[in-house]
Amino acid sequence: MQKNEFETMVKELLPAVTEQAMEKWTQYAQELEQDGTEKECDLYDAAYVELRLVKEHQGEPAAASLFNYGCLLYTSPSPRD
């Protein structure tokens, strides 16, 4: 899916997501696309499916927290960096 579709669908799925987290996720997806690691649309697809599953099995608060704070795990430098 494309960026706009991802943003709309995630906001419908998890109304408690923050704009800051959404910006971080989309920025991360763009960086992966630019360095050839993963296509932006593939990351959006995978992230959305995972968020739906977490919401279904763990509840909306857990899924929203994962989205809002999980982006920090992906975008923060690792201790090796």
C-alpha atoms as a PDB file:
ATOM      1  CA  MET A   1       0.000   0.000   0.000  1.00  0.00           C
ATOM      2  CA  GLN A   2       1.047   3.591  -0.465  1.00  0.00           C
ATOM      3  CA  LYS A   3       1.857   6.113   2.274  1.00  0.00           C
ATOM      4  CA  ASN A   4      -1.512   7.911   2.259  1.00  0.00           C
ATOM      5  CA  GLU A   5      -3.416   4.642   2.384  1.00  0.00           C
ATOM      6  CA  PHE A   6      -1.206   3.385   5.236  1.00  0.00           C
ATOM      7  CA  GLU A   7      -1.778   6.563   7.243  1.00  0.00           C
ATOM      8  CA  THR A   8      -5.549   6.421   6.738  1.00  0.00           C
ATOM      9  CA  MET A   9      -5.873   2.732   7.528  1.00  0.00           C
ATOM     10  CA  VAL A  10      -3.696   2.887  10.640  1.00  0.00           C
ATOM     11  CA  LYS A  11      -5.601   5.896  11.973  1.00  0.00           C
ATOM     12  CA  GLU A  12      -8.879   4.032  11.429  1.00  0.00           C
ATOM     13  CA  LEU A  13      -7.508   0.887  13.068  1.00  0.00           C
ATOM     14  CA  LEU A  14      -5.839   2.695  15.966  1.00  0.00           C
ATOM     15  CA  PRO A  15      -7.239   6.183  16.609  1.00  0.00           C
ATOM     16  CA  ALA A  16      -4.735   6.719  19.464  1.00  0.00           C
ATOM     17  CA  VAL A  17      -1.660   6.752  17.224  1.00  0.00           C
ATOM     18  CA  THR A  18       0.354   9.943  17.412  1.00  0.00           C
ATOM     19  CA  GLU A  19       1.318  12.163  14.503  1.00  0.00           C
ATOM     20  CA  GLN A  20       4.936  11.992  15.660  1.00  0.00           C
ATOM     21  CA  ALA A  21       4.900   8.193  15.447  1.00  0.00           C
ATOM     22  CA  MET A  22       3.255   8.296  12.021  1.00  0.00           C
ATOM     23  CA  GLU A  23       5.954  10.666  10.796  1.00  0.00           C
ATOM     24  CA  LYS A  24       8.692   8.387  12.166  1.00  0.00           C
ATOM     25  CA  TRP A  25       7.201   5.304  10.513  1.00  0.00           C
ATOM     26  CA  THR A  26       6.862   6.994   7.138  1.00  0.00           C
ATOM     27  CA  GLN A  27      10.340   8.494   7.404  1.00  0.00           C
ATOM     28  CA  TYR A  28      11.754   5.068   8.223  1.00  0.00           C
ATOM     29  CA  ALA A  29       9.940   3.506   5.259  1.00  0.00           C
ATOM     30  CA  GLN A  30      11.358   6.176   2.942  1.00  0.00           C
ATOM     31  CA  GLU A  31      14.888   5.587   4.264  1.00  0.00           C
ATOM     32  CA  LEU A  32      14.620   1.846   3.662  1.00  0.00           C
ATOM     33  CA  GLU A  33      13.414   2.471   0.124  1.00  0.00           C
ATOM     34  CA  GLN A  34      16.249   4.916  -0.567  1.00  0.00           C
ATOM     35  CA  ASP A  35      18.978   2.589   0.635  1.00  0.00           C
ATOM     36  CA  GLY A  36      17.480  -0.377  -1.209  1.00  0.00           C
ATOM     37  CA  THR A  37      16.734  -2.425   1.903  1.00  0.00           C
ATOM     38  CA  GLU A  38      12.973  -2.733   1.449  1.00  0.00           C
ATOM     39  CA  LYS A  39      10.280  -1.187  -0.676  1.00  0.00           C
ATOM     40  CA  GLU A  40       8.247   1.428   1.139  1.00  0.00           C
ATOM     41  CA  CYS A  41       4.952  -0.207   0.160  1.00  0.00           C
ATOM     42  CA  ASP A  42       6.130  -3.597   1.472  1.00  0.00           C
ATOM     43  CA  LEU A  43       6.935  -2.151   4.894  1.00  0.00           C
ATOM     44  CA  TYR A  44       3.520  -0.483   5.037  1.00  0.00           C
ATOM     45  CA  ASP A  45       1.801  -3.752   4.121  1.00  0.00           C
ATOM     46  CA  ALA A  46       3.701  -5.789   6.699  1.00  0.00           C
ATOM     47  CA  ALA A  47       3.345  -3.222   9.473  1.00  0.00           C
ATOM     48  CA  TYR A  48      -0.392  -2.915   8.931  1.00  0.00           C
ATOM     49  CA  VAL A  49      -0.944  -6.675   8.997  1.00  0.00           C
ATOM     50  CA  GLU A  50       1.097  -6.972  12.180  1.00  0.00           C
ATOM     51  CA  LEU A  51      -0.802  -4.121  13.840  1.00  0.00           C
ATOM     52  CA  ARG A  52      -4.135  -5.774  12.977  1.00  0.00           C
ATOM     53  CA  LEU A  53      -2.964  -9.050  14.487  1.00  0.00           C
ATOM     54  CA  VAL A  54      -1.682  -7.395  17.652  1.00  0.00           C
ATOM     55  CA  LYS A  55      -4.954  -5.505  18.026  1.00  0.00           C
ATOM     56  CA  GLU A  56      -6.954  -8.700  17.511  1.00  0.00           C
ATOM     57  CA  HIS A  57      -4.948 -10.773  19.991  1.00  0.00           C
ATOM     58  CA  GLN A  58      -3.621  -8.238  22.493  1.00  0.00           C
ATOM     59  CA  GLY A  59      -6.075  -5.348  22.219  1.00  0.00           C
ATOM     60  CA  GLU A  60      -6.077  -1.840  20.835  1.00  0.00           C
ATOM     61  CA  PRO A  61      -3.973  -0.247  23.619  1.00  0.00           C
ATOM     62  CA  ALA A  62      -1.151  -2.731  23.008  1.00  0.00           C
ATOM     63  CA  ALA A  63      -1.255  -2.198  19.249  1.00  0.00           C
ATOM     64  CA  ALA A  64      -1.297   1.602  19.613  1.00  0.00           C
ATOM     65  CA  SER A  65       1.627   1.473  22.046  1.00  0.00           C
ATOM     66  CA  LEU A  66       3.571  -0.747  19.685  1.00  0.00           C
ATOM     67  CA  PHE A  67       2.991   1.710  16.861  1.00  0.00           C
ATOM     68  CA  ASN A  68       3.677   4.818  18.939  1.00  0.00           C
ATOM     69  CA  TYR A  69       6.793   3.497  20.646  1.00  0.00           C
ATOM     70  CA  GLY A  70       7.844   0.674  18.371  1.00  0.00           C
ATOM     71  CA  CYS A  71       8.971   3.112  15.725  1.00  0.00           C
ATOM     72  CA  LEU A  72      11.662   4.211  18.151  1.00  0.00           C
ATOM     73  CA  LEU A  73      13.071   0.678  18.143  1.00  0.00           C
ATOM     74  CA  TYR A  74      13.403   0.708  14.387  1.00  0.00           C
ATOM     75  CA  THR A  75      14.744   4.214  14.018  1.00  0.00           C
ATOM     76  CA  SER A  76      17.136   4.439  16.978  1.00  0.00           C
ATOM     77  CA  PRO A  77      20.787   3.623  16.381  1.00  0.00           C
ATOM     78  CA  SER A  78      21.828   0.243  17.718  1.00  0.00           C
ATOM     79  CA  PRO A  79      24.559  -0.018  20.371  1.00  0.00           C
ATOM     80  CA  ARG A  80      26.890  -1.213  17.600  1.00  0.00           C
ATOM     81  CA  ASP A  81      26.520   2.068  15.669  1.00  0.00           C
END
